[in-house]
C-alpha atoms as a PDB file:
ATOM      1  CA  MET A   1     -11.153   2.238  25.179  1.00  0.00           C
ATOM      2  CA  TRP A   2      -8.642   4.947  24.415  1.00  0.00           C
ATOM      3  CA  GLU A   3      -9.017   6.844  21.223  1.00  0.00           C
ATOM      4  CA  ASP A   4      -6.414   8.726  19.246  1.00  0.00           C
ATOM      5  CA  VAL A   5      -7.947  12.068  18.262  1.00  0.00           C
ATOM      6  CA  ILE A   6      -5.443  12.492  15.335  1.00  0.00           C
ATOM      7  CA  VAL A   7      -6.557   9.070  13.947  1.00  0.00           C
ATOM      8  CA  ASN A   8     -10.028   9.978  14.442  1.00  0.00           C
ATOM      9  CA  GLU A   9      -9.557  13.106  12.560  1.00  0.00           C
ATOM     10  CA  VAL A  10      -7.704  11.431   9.664  1.00  0.00           C
ATOM     11  CA  ARG A  11     -10.462   8.958   9.398  1.00  0.00           C
ATOM     12  CA  ARG A  12     -13.201  11.428   9.376  1.00  0.00           C
ATOM     13  CA  VAL A  13     -11.449  13.644   6.608  1.00  0.00           C
ATOM     14  CA  ARG A  14     -10.889  10.499   4.538  1.00  0.00           C
ATOM     15  CA  GLU A  15     -14.511   9.516   4.879  1.00  0.00           C
ATOM     16  CA  MET A  16     -15.728  12.974   3.780  1.00  0.00           C
ATOM     17  CA  HIS A  17     -13.378  12.878   0.837  1.00  0.00           C
ATOM     18  CA  ALA A  18     -14.527   9.482  -0.172  1.00  0.00           C
ATOM     19  CA  GLN A  19     -18.179  10.699   0.047  1.00  0.00           C
ATOM     20  CA  ARG A  20     -17.450  13.541  -2.423  1.00  0.00           C
ATOM     21  CA  PHE A  21     -16.820  10.914  -5.038  1.00  0.00           C
ATOM     22  CA  ASN A  22     -19.430   8.358  -4.016  1.00  0.00           C
ATOM     23  CA  PHE A  23     -16.705   6.078  -2.840  1.00  0.00           C
ATOM     24  CA  ASP A  24     -15.321   5.503  -6.499  1.00  0.00           C
ATOM     25  CA  LEU A  25     -11.754   4.617  -5.962  1.00  0.00           C
ATOM     26  CA  GLN A  26     -10.929   5.624  -9.582  1.00  0.00           C
ATOM     27  CA  ALA A  27     -12.221   9.030  -8.922  1.00  0.00           C
ATOM     28  CA  ILE A  28     -10.663   9.402  -5.508  1.00  0.00           C
ATOM     29  CA  PHE A  29      -7.253   8.504  -7.200  1.00  0.00           C
ATOM     30  CA  GLU A  30      -7.655  11.001 -10.054  1.00  0.00           C
ATOM     31  CA  ASP A  31      -8.431  13.619  -7.537  1.00  0.00           C
ATOM     32  CA  LEU A  32      -5.460  12.906  -5.505  1.00  0.00           C
ATOM     33  CA  LYS A  33      -3.145  12.850  -8.223  1.00  0.00           C
ATOM     34  CA  ARG A  34      -4.572  16.218  -9.420  1.00  0.00           C
ATOM     35  CA  GLN A  35      -3.820  17.701  -6.038  1.00  0.00           C
ATOM     36  CA  GLU A  36      -0.351  16.418  -6.260  1.00  0.00           C
ATOM     37  CA  LEU A  37       0.180  18.130  -9.675  1.00  0.00           C
ATOM     38  CA  GLU A  38      -1.431  21.245  -8.551  1.00  0.00           C
ATOM     39  CA  SER A  39       0.638  21.404  -5.230  1.00  0.00           C
ATOM     40  CA  GLY A  40       3.902  22.153  -7.249  1.00  0.00           C
ATOM     41  CA  ARG A  41       5.887  19.662  -4.936  1.00  0.00           C
ATOM     42  CA  GLU A  42       8.105  16.973  -6.264  1.00  0.00           C
ATOM     43  CA  PHE A  43       6.805  13.612  -5.558  1.00  0.00           C
ATOM     44  CA  VAL A  44       9.130  10.716  -6.051  1.00  0.00           C
ATOM     45  CA  SER A  45       8.436   6.849  -6.439  1.00  0.00           C
ATOM     46  CA  PHE A  46      10.980   4.474  -5.328  1.00  0.00           C
ATOM     47  CA  ALA A  47      11.549   1.109  -7.408  1.00  0.00           C
ATOM     48  CA  PRO A  48      10.208  -1.770  -5.755  1.00  0.00           C
ATOM     49  CA  LYS A  49      12.575  -3.900  -3.783  1.00  0.00           C
ATOM     50  CA  PRO A  50      13.785  -7.248  -5.269  1.00  0.00           C
ATOM     51  CA  PRO A  51      12.257 -10.520  -3.547  1.00  0.00           C
ATOM     52  CA  ILE A  52      14.432 -12.090  -0.925  1.00  0.00           C
ATOM     53  CA  ILE A  53      15.106 -15.600  -1.902  1.00  0.00           C
ATOM     54  CA  ILE A  54      16.004 -17.943   0.829  1.00  0.00           C
ATOM     55  CA  LEU A  55      17.761 -21.150  -0.206  1.00  0.00           C
ATOM     56  CA  ILE A  56      17.296 -23.962   2.303  1.00  0.00           C
ATOM     57  CA  PRO A  57      19.825 -26.768   1.986  1.00  0.00           C
ATOM     58  CA  LYS A  58      18.874 -30.396   1.544  1.00  0.00           C
ATOM     59  CA  LYS A  59      19.600 -32.699   4.448  1.00  0.00           C
ATOM     60  CA  VAL A  60      22.222 -35.305   4.006  1.00  0.00           C
ATOM     61  CA  ASN A  61      21.314 -38.884   3.395  1.00  0.00           C
ATOM     62  CA  GLN A  62      17.812 -38.006   2.587  1.00  0.00           C
ATOM     63  CA  PRO A  63      16.362 -39.142  -0.679  1.00  0.00           C
ATOM     64  CA  GLU A  64      15.047 -36.352  -2.967  1.00  0.00           C
ATOM     65  CA  THR A  65      11.289 -36.357  -3.737  1.00  0.00           C
ATOM     66  CA  GLN A  66       9.766 -35.444  -6.941  1.00  0.00           C
ATOM     67  CA  PRO A  67       7.295 -32.592  -7.149  1.00  0.00           C
ATOM     68  CA  PHE A  68       3.755 -33.462  -8.084  1.00  0.00           C
END
């Protein structure tokens, strides 16, 4: 099976980083946020997109049913 060397490298680095924090997600998150702050770069977060509501019309001449 074909392997992507870049994907393998990213996975290897991610695994090593997680091992440094004993796979503690909170500690990993805090380290990544610390790295963001120390980088001096501007990071942005976009507002979540509103959900898409799909309205399905009722069929004509079909009795309405009551929900349970």
